[in-house]
Amino acid sequence: MTSTRCWVPEPIPVAKVSPLLLNLAPTWAAYRTLTGLRLVHFLTDEGTEGIKVPTIGNRWPLDPITIREQIRRRT
């Protein structure tokens, strides 16, 4: 019997996401000044995307699956 396993990404602290985005597109001006708090504001209802980013002890874990679902709904 063959086992089918699906890799599920774990949430990543939003403070670690902004440097990753800068590495992805270093010439994009918006990423140069992006911080974890600015990213949380952008993603939440106060910002533009309407994605809930939970707070756990002053850390905001960002779930990649939630981001992918939001992108899928947009397109």
PDB file of N, CA and C in Angstrom:
ATOM      1  N   MET A   1       0.836  -1.163   0.000  1.00  0.00           N
ATOM      2  CA  MET A   1       0.000   0.000   0.000  1.00  0.00           C
ATOM      3  C   MET A   1       0.889   1.237   0.000  1.00  0.00           C
ATOM      4  N   THR A   2       0.557   2.199  -0.833  1.00  0.00           N
ATOM      5  CA  THR A   2       1.331   3.425  -0.945  1.00  0.00           C
ATOM      6  C   THR A   2       0.721   4.501  -0.067  1.00  0.00           C
ATOM      7  N   SER A   3       1.558   5.130   0.714  1.00  0.00           N
ATOM      8  CA  SER A   3       1.104   6.205   1.585  1.00  0.00           C
ATOM      9  C   SER A   3       1.230   7.538   0.863  1.00  0.00           C
ATOM     10  N   THR A   4       0.170   8.301   0.873  1.00  0.00           N
ATOM     11  CA  THR A   4       0.194   9.617   0.265  1.00  0.00           C
ATOM     12  C   THR A   4       0.295  10.652   1.369  1.00  0.00           C
ATOM     13  N   ARG A   5       1.375  11.401   1.351  1.00  0.00           N
ATOM     14  CA  ARG A   5       1.577  12.435   2.356  1.00  0.00           C
ATOM     15  C   ARG A   5       1.582  13.793   1.676  1.00  0.00           C
ATOM     16  N   CYS A   6       0.973  14.709   2.329  1.00  0.00           N
ATOM     17  CA  CYS A   6       0.914  16.060   1.823  1.00  0.00           C
ATOM     18  C   CYS A   6       1.665  16.965   2.789  1.00  0.00           C
ATOM     19  N   TRP A   7       2.605  17.717   2.281  1.00  0.00           N
ATOM     20  CA  TRP A   7       3.352  18.637   3.120  1.00  0.00           C
ATOM     21  C   TRP A   7       2.490  19.858   3.397  1.00  0.00           C
ATOM     22  N   VAL A   8       2.327  20.163   4.657  1.00  0.00           N
ATOM     23  CA  VAL A   8       1.551  21.330   5.067  1.00  0.00           C
ATOM     24  C   VAL A   8       2.514  22.323   5.694  1.00  0.00           C
ATOM     25  N   PRO A   9       2.642  23.510   5.096  1.00  0.00           N
ATOM     26  CA  PRO A   9       3.575  24.484   5.655  1.00  0.00           C
ATOM     27  C   PRO A   9       3.100  24.993   7.009  1.00  0.00           C
ATOM     28  N   GLU A  10       4.036  25.233   7.893  1.00  0.00           N
ATOM     29  CA  GLU A  10       3.707  25.751   9.213  1.00  0.00           C
ATOM     30  C   GLU A  10       3.667  27.275   9.162  1.00  0.00           C
ATOM     31  N   PRO A  11       2.896  27.883  10.051  1.00  0.00           N
ATOM     32  CA  PRO A  11       2.891  29.346  10.112  1.00  0.00           C
ATOM     33  C   PRO A  11       4.288  29.887  10.392  1.00  0.00           C
ATOM     34  N   ILE A  12       4.589  31.029   9.815  1.00  0.00           N
ATOM     35  CA  ILE A  12       5.889  31.674   9.986  1.00  0.00           C
ATOM     36  C   ILE A  12       5.650  33.046  10.620  1.00  0.00           C
ATOM     37  N   PRO A  13       6.488  33.456  11.568  1.00  0.00           N
ATOM     38  CA  PRO A  13       6.320  34.792  12.144  1.00  0.00           C
ATOM     39  C   PRO A  13       6.402  35.859  11.057  1.00  0.00           C
ATOM     40  N   VAL A  14       5.471  36.787  11.104  1.00  0.00           N
ATOM     41  CA  VAL A  14       5.388  37.792  10.051  1.00  0.00           C
ATOM     42  C   VAL A  14       6.668  38.631   9.967  1.00  0.00           C
ATOM     43  N   ALA A  15       7.384  38.773  11.059  1.00  0.00           N
ATOM     44  CA  ALA A  15       8.648  39.522  11.037  1.00  0.00           C
ATOM     45  C   ALA A  15       9.691  38.849  10.155  1.00  0.00           C
ATOM     46  N   LYS A  16       9.565  37.547   9.951  1.00  0.00           N
ATOM     47  CA  LYS A  16      10.497  36.834   9.075  1.00  0.00           C
ATOM     48  C   LYS A  16      10.062  36.885   7.615  1.00  0.00           C
ATOM     49  N   VAL A  17       8.818  37.244   7.368  1.00  0.00           N
ATOM     50  CA  VAL A  17       8.301  37.275   6.000  1.00  0.00           C
ATOM     51  C   VAL A  17       8.811  38.494   5.239  1.00  0.00           C
ATOM     52  N   SER A  18       8.858  39.651   5.892  1.00  0.00           N
ATOM     53  CA  SER A  18       9.272  40.865   5.181  1.00  0.00           C
ATOM     54  C   SER A  18      10.689  40.768   4.603  1.00  0.00           C
ATOM     55  N   PRO A  19      11.689  40.221   5.317  1.00  0.00           N
ATOM     56  CA  PRO A  19      13.005  40.057   4.668  1.00  0.00           C
ATOM     57  C   PRO A  19      12.973  39.049   3.515  1.00  0.00           C
ATOM     58  N   LEU A  20      12.123  38.035   3.638  1.00  0.00           N
ATOM     59  CA  LEU A  20      12.017  37.070   2.543  1.00  0.00           C
ATOM     60  C   LEU A  20      11.450  37.728   1.291  1.00  0.00           C
ATOM     61  N   LEU A  21      10.464  38.596   1.479  1.00  0.00           N
ATOM     62  CA  LEU A  21       9.907  39.319   0.336  1.00  0.00           C
ATOM     63  C   LEU A  21      10.944  40.246  -0.284  1.00  0.00           C
ATOM     64  N   LEU A  22      11.751  40.882   0.544  1.00  0.00           N
ATOM     65  CA  LEU A  22      12.806  41.745   0.029  1.00  0.00           C
ATOM     66  C   LEU A  22      13.821  40.947  -0.780  1.00  0.00           C
ATOM     67  N   ASN A  23      14.151  39.746  -0.330  1.00  0.00           N
ATOM     68  CA  ASN A  23      15.058  38.890  -1.097  1.00  0.00           C
ATOM     69  C   ASN A  23      14.428  38.441  -2.407  1.00  0.00           C
ATOM     70  N   LEU A  24      13.117  38.261  -2.396  1.00  0.00           N
ATOM     71  CA  LEU A  24      12.409  37.837  -3.603  1.00  0.00           C
ATOM     72  C   LEU A  24      12.415  38.924  -4.671  1.00  0.00           C
ATOM     73  N   ALA A  25      12.181  40.171  -4.256  1.00  0.00           N
ATOM     74  CA  ALA A  25      12.116  41.280  -5.218  1.00  0.00           C
ATOM     75  C   ALA A  25      12.822  42.501  -4.626  1.00  0.00           C
ATOM     76  N   PRO A  26      14.154  42.503  -4.638  1.00  0.00           N
ATOM     77  CA  PRO A  26      14.902  43.579  -3.985  1.00  0.00           C
ATOM     78  C   PRO A  26      14.744  44.954  -4.643  1.00  0.00           C
ATOM     79  N   THR A  27      14.311  45.007  -5.868  1.00  0.00           N
ATOM     80  CA  THR A  27      14.179  46.302  -6.541  1.00  0.00           C
ATOM     81  C   THR A  27      12.806  46.942  -6.355  1.00  0.00           C
ATOM     82  N   TRP A  28      11.862  46.206  -5.771  1.00  0.00           N
ATOM     83  CA  TRP A  28      10.534  46.770  -5.566  1.00  0.00           C
ATOM     84  C   TRP A  28      10.558  47.665  -4.340  1.00  0.00           C
ATOM     85  N   ALA A  29      10.236  48.933  -4.521  1.00  0.00           N
ATOM     86  CA  ALA A  29      10.363  49.935  -3.455  1.00  0.00           C
ATOM     87  C   ALA A  29       9.513  49.605  -2.231  1.00  0.00           C
ATOM     88  N   ALA A  30       8.343  49.050  -2.415  1.00  0.00           N
ATOM     89  CA  ALA A  30       7.456  48.750  -1.286  1.00  0.00           C
ATOM     90  C   ALA A  30       8.071  47.740  -0.325  1.00  0.00           C
ATOM     91  N   TYR A  31       8.883  46.827  -0.831  1.00  0.00           N
ATOM     92  CA  TYR A  31       9.502  45.824   0.035  1.00  0.00           C
ATOM     93  C   TYR A  31      10.697  46.378   0.807  1.00  0.00           C
ATOM     94  N   ARG A  32      11.298  47.450   0.323  1.00  0.00           N
ATOM     95  CA  ARG A  32      12.477  48.003   0.987  1.00  0.00           C
ATOM     96  C   ARG A  32      12.151  48.555   2.367  1.00  0.00           C
ATOM     97  N   THR A  33      10.953  49.097   2.546  1.00  0.00           N
ATOM     98  CA  THR A  33      10.565  49.690   3.829  1.00  0.00           C
ATOM     99  C   THR A  33       9.571  48.826   4.585  1.00  0.00           C
ATOM    100  N   LEU A  34       9.313  47.636   4.117  1.00  0.00           N
ATOM    101  CA  LEU A  34       8.320  46.759   4.737  1.00  0.00           C
ATOM    102  C   LEU A  34       8.846  46.168   6.039  1.00  0.00           C
ATOM    103  N   THR A  35       8.055  46.303   7.092  1.00  0.00           N
ATOM    104  CA  THR A  35       8.369  45.686   8.380  1.00  0.00           C
ATOM    105  C   THR A  35       7.264  44.698   8.704  1.00  0.00           C
ATOM    106  N   GLY A  36       7.463  43.920   9.755  1.00  0.00           N
ATOM    107  CA  GLY A  36       6.442  42.970  10.160  1.00  0.00           C
ATOM    108  C   GLY A  36       5.130  43.650  10.511  1.00  0.00           C
ATOM    109  N   LEU A  37       5.204  44.761  11.264  1.00  0.00           N
ATOM    110  CA  LEU A  37       3.984  45.474  11.649  1.00  0.00           C
ATOM    111  C   LEU A  37       3.261  46.071  10.444  1.00  0.00           C
ATOM    112  N   ARG A  38       4.010  46.606   9.503  1.00  0.00           N
ATOM    113  CA  ARG A  38       3.381  47.148   8.287  1.00  0.00           C
ATOM    114  C   ARG A  38       2.716  46.038   7.485  1.00  0.00           C
ATOM    115  N   LEU A  39       3.344  44.877   7.441  1.00  0.00           N
ATOM    116  CA  LEU A  39       2.763  43.754   6.718  1.00  0.00           C
ATOM    117  C   LEU A  39       1.480  43.276   7.389  1.00  0.00           C
ATOM    118  N   VAL A  40       1.474  43.218   8.720  1.00  0.00           N
ATOM    119  CA  VAL A  40       0.259  42.836   9.444  1.00  0.00           C
ATOM    120  C   VAL A  40      -0.853  43.826   9.136  1.00  0.00           C
ATOM    121  N   HIS A  41      -0.541  45.117   9.171  1.00  0.00           N
ATOM    122  CA  HIS A  41      -1.553  46.134   8.876  1.00  0.00           C
ATOM    123  C   HIS A  41      -2.082  45.980   7.450  1.00  0.00           C
ATOM    124  N   PHE A  42      -1.204  45.725   6.511  1.00  0.00           N
ATOM    125  CA  PHE A  42      -1.611  45.556   5.115  1.00  0.00           C
ATOM    126  C   PHE A  42      -2.527  44.346   4.942  1.00  0.00           C
ATOM    127  N   LEU A  43      -2.228  43.264   5.633  1.00  0.00           N
ATOM    128  CA  LEU A  43      -2.986  42.032   5.454  1.00  0.00           C
ATOM    129  C   LEU A  43      -4.328  42.020   6.180  1.00  0.00           C
ATOM    130  N   THR A  44      -4.453  42.755   7.262  1.00  0.00           N
ATOM    131  CA  THR A  44      -5.673  42.708   8.068  1.00  0.00           C
ATOM    132  C   THR A  44      -6.792  43.524   7.441  1.00  0.00           C
ATOM    133  N   ASP A  45      -7.930  43.502   8.110  1.00  0.00           N
ATOM    134  CA  ASP A  45      -9.087  44.267   7.649  1.00  0.00           C
ATOM    135  C   ASP A  45      -8.803  45.763   7.578  1.00  0.00           C
ATOM    136  N   GLU A  46      -7.895  46.247   8.431  1.00  0.00           N
ATOM    137  CA  GLU A  46      -7.534  47.656   8.391  1.00  0.00           C
ATOM    138  C   GLU A  46      -6.774  47.989   7.116  1.00  0.00           C
ATOM    139  N   GLY A  47      -6.088  47.000   6.589  1.00  0.00           N
ATOM    140  CA  GLY A  47      -5.332  47.195   5.361  1.00  0.00           C
ATOM    141  C   GLY A  47      -6.195  46.906   4.146  1.00  0.00           C
ATOM    142  N   THR A  48      -5.661  46.188   3.191  1.00  0.00           N
ATOM    143  CA  THR A  48      -6.392  45.969   1.950  1.00  0.00           C
ATOM    144  C   THR A  48      -6.798  44.526   1.690  1.00  0.00           C
ATOM    145  N   GLU A  49      -6.129  43.569   2.298  1.00  0.00           N
ATOM    146  CA  GLU A  49      -6.360  42.177   1.922  1.00  0.00           C
ATOM    147  C   GLU A  49      -7.425  41.456   2.739  1.00  0.00           C
ATOM    148  N   GLY A  50      -7.706  41.896   3.946  1.00  0.00           N
ATOM    149  CA  GLY A  50      -8.734  41.262   4.771  1.00  0.00           C
ATOM    150  C   GLY A  50      -8.364  39.886   5.296  1.00  0.00           C
ATOM    151  N   ILE A  51      -7.092  39.669   5.572  1.00  0.00           N
ATOM    152  CA  ILE A  51      -6.619  38.390   6.090  1.00  0.00           C
ATOM    153  C   ILE A  51      -6.414  38.526   7.598  1.00  0.00           C
ATOM    154  N   LYS A  52      -6.957  37.579   8.347  1.00  0.00           N
ATOM    155  CA  LYS A  52      -6.791  37.612   9.805  1.00  0.00           C
ATOM    156  C   LYS A  52      -5.414  37.067  10.164  1.00  0.00           C
ATOM    157  N   VAL A  53      -4.641  37.891  10.852  1.00  0.00           N
ATOM    158  CA  VAL A  53      -3.323  37.491  11.338  1.00  0.00           C
ATOM    159  C   VAL A  53      -3.410  37.475  12.852  1.00  0.00           C
ATOM    160  N   PRO A  54      -3.407  36.283  13.475  1.00  0.00           N
ATOM    161  CA  PRO A  54      -3.550  36.215  14.931  1.00  0.00           C
ATOM    162  C   PRO A  54      -2.309  36.756  15.634  1.00  0.00           C
ATOM    163  N   THR A  55      -2.503  37.226  16.845  1.00  0.00           N
ATOM    164  CA  THR A  55      -1.374  37.668  17.655  1.00  0.00           C
ATOM    165  C   THR A  55      -1.192  36.682  18.806  1.00  0.00           C
ATOM    166  N   ILE A  56       0.017  36.231  18.972  1.00  0.00           N
ATOM    167  CA  ILE A  56       0.348  35.297  20.046  1.00  0.00           C
ATOM    168  C   ILE A  56       1.604  35.828  20.718  1.00  0.00           C
ATOM    169  N   GLY A  57       1.418  36.455  21.873  1.00  0.00           N
ATOM    170  CA  GLY A  57       2.576  36.966  22.609  1.00  0.00           C
ATOM    171  C   GLY A  57       3.399  37.963  21.824  1.00  0.00           C
ATOM    172  N   ASN A  58       2.751  38.930  21.189  1.00  0.00           N
ATOM    173  CA  ASN A  58       3.407  39.962  20.391  1.00  0.00           C
ATOM    174  C   ASN A  58       4.130  39.388  19.169  1.00  0.00           C
ATOM    175  N   ARG A  59       3.709  38.224  18.745  1.00  0.00           N
ATOM    176  CA  ARG A  59       4.202  37.616  17.491  1.00  0.00           C
ATOM    177  C   ARG A  59       2.986  37.335  16.630  1.00  0.00           C
ATOM    178  N   TRP A  60       3.120  37.512  15.366  1.00  0.00           N
ATOM    179  CA  TRP A  60       2.010  37.287  14.448  1.00  0.00           C
ATOM    180  C   TRP A  60       2.375  36.149  13.498  1.00  0.00           C
ATOM    181  N   PRO A  61       1.875  34.942  13.777  1.00  0.00           N
ATOM    182  CA  PRO A  61       2.177  33.826  12.871  1.00  0.00           C
ATOM    183  C   PRO A  61       1.328  33.940  11.602  1.00  0.00           C
ATOM    184  N   LEU A  62       1.981  33.921  10.480  1.00  0.00           N
ATOM    185  CA  LEU A  62       1.314  34.035   9.191  1.00  0.00           C
ATOM    186  C   LEU A  62       1.223  32.648   8.571  1.00  0.00           C
ATOM    187  N   ASP A  63       0.007  32.227   8.275  1.00  0.00           N
ATOM    188  CA  ASP A  63      -0.233  30.898   7.735  1.00  0.00           C
ATOM    189  C   ASP A  63      -0.187  30.943   6.207  1.00  0.00           C
ATOM    190  N   PRO A  64       0.770  30.272   5.571  1.00  0.00           N
ATOM    191  CA  PRO A  64       0.865  30.289   4.114  1.00  0.00           C
ATOM    192  C   PRO A  64      -0.402  29.781   3.416  1.00  0.00           C
ATOM    193  N   ILE A  65      -1.098  28.846   4.035  1.00  0.00           N
ATOM    194  CA  ILE A  65      -2.318  28.314   3.437  1.00  0.00           C
ATOM    195  C   ILE A  65      -3.388  29.403   3.360  1.00  0.00           C
ATOM    196  N   THR A  66      -3.498  30.214   4.404  1.00  0.00           N
ATOM    197  CA  THR A  66      -4.458  31.309   4.405  1.00  0.00           C
ATOM    198  C   THR A  66      -4.144  32.303   3.290  1.00  0.00           C
ATOM    199  N   ILE A  67      -2.880  32.614   3.100  1.00  0.00           N
ATOM    200  CA  ILE A  67      -2.474  33.534   2.038  1.00  0.00           C
ATOM    201  C   ILE A  67      -2.830  32.959   0.673  1.00  0.00           C
ATOM    202  N   ARG A  68      -2.532  31.680   0.469  1.00  0.00           N
ATOM    203  CA  ARG A  68      -2.841  31.046  -0.824  1.00  0.00           C
ATOM    204  C   ARG A  68      -4.337  31.036  -1.101  1.00  0.00           C
ATOM    205  N   GLU A  69      -5.142  30.778  -0.071  1.00  0.00           N
ATOM    206  CA  GLU A  69      -6.596  30.779  -0.257  1.00  0.00           C
ATOM    207  C   GLU A  69      -7.097  32.167  -0.638  1.00  0.00           C
ATOM    208  N   GLN A  70      -6.535  33.201  -0.010  1.00  0.00           N
ATOM    209  CA  GLN A  70      -6.948  34.567  -0.330  1.00  0.00           C
ATOM    210  C   GLN A  70      -6.562  34.920  -1.759  1.00  0.00           C
ATOM    211  N   ILE A  71      -5.388  34.531  -2.188  1.00  0.00           N
ATOM    212  CA  ILE A  71      -4.957  34.786  -3.567  1.00  0.00           C
ATOM    213  C   ILE A  71      -5.875  34.060  -4.544  1.00  0.00           C
ATOM    214  N   ARG A  72      -6.232  32.827  -4.221  1.00  0.00           N
ATOM    215  CA  ARG A  72      -7.124  32.038  -5.071  1.00  0.00           C
ATOM    216  C   ARG A  72      -8.501  32.717  -5.196  1.00  0.00           C
ATOM    217  N   ARG A  73      -9.001  33.279  -4.087  1.00  0.00           N
ATOM    218  CA  ARG A  73     -10.310  33.958  -4.118  1.00  0.00           C
ATOM    219  C   ARG A  73     -10.253  35.229  -4.960  1.00  0.00           C
ATOM    220  N   ARG A  74      -9.113  35.898  -4.969  1.00  0.00           N
ATOM    221  CA  ARG A  74      -8.972  37.145  -5.727  1.00  0.00           C
ATOM    222  C   ARG A  74      -9.000  36.909  -7.229  1.00  0.00           C
ATOM    223  N   THR A  75      -8.427  35.814  -7.661  1.00  0.00           N
ATOM    224  CA  THR A  75      -8.303  35.583  -9.100  1.00  0.00           C
ATOM    225  C   THR A  75      -9.468  34.829  -9.670  1.00  0.00           C
TER     226      THR A  75
END
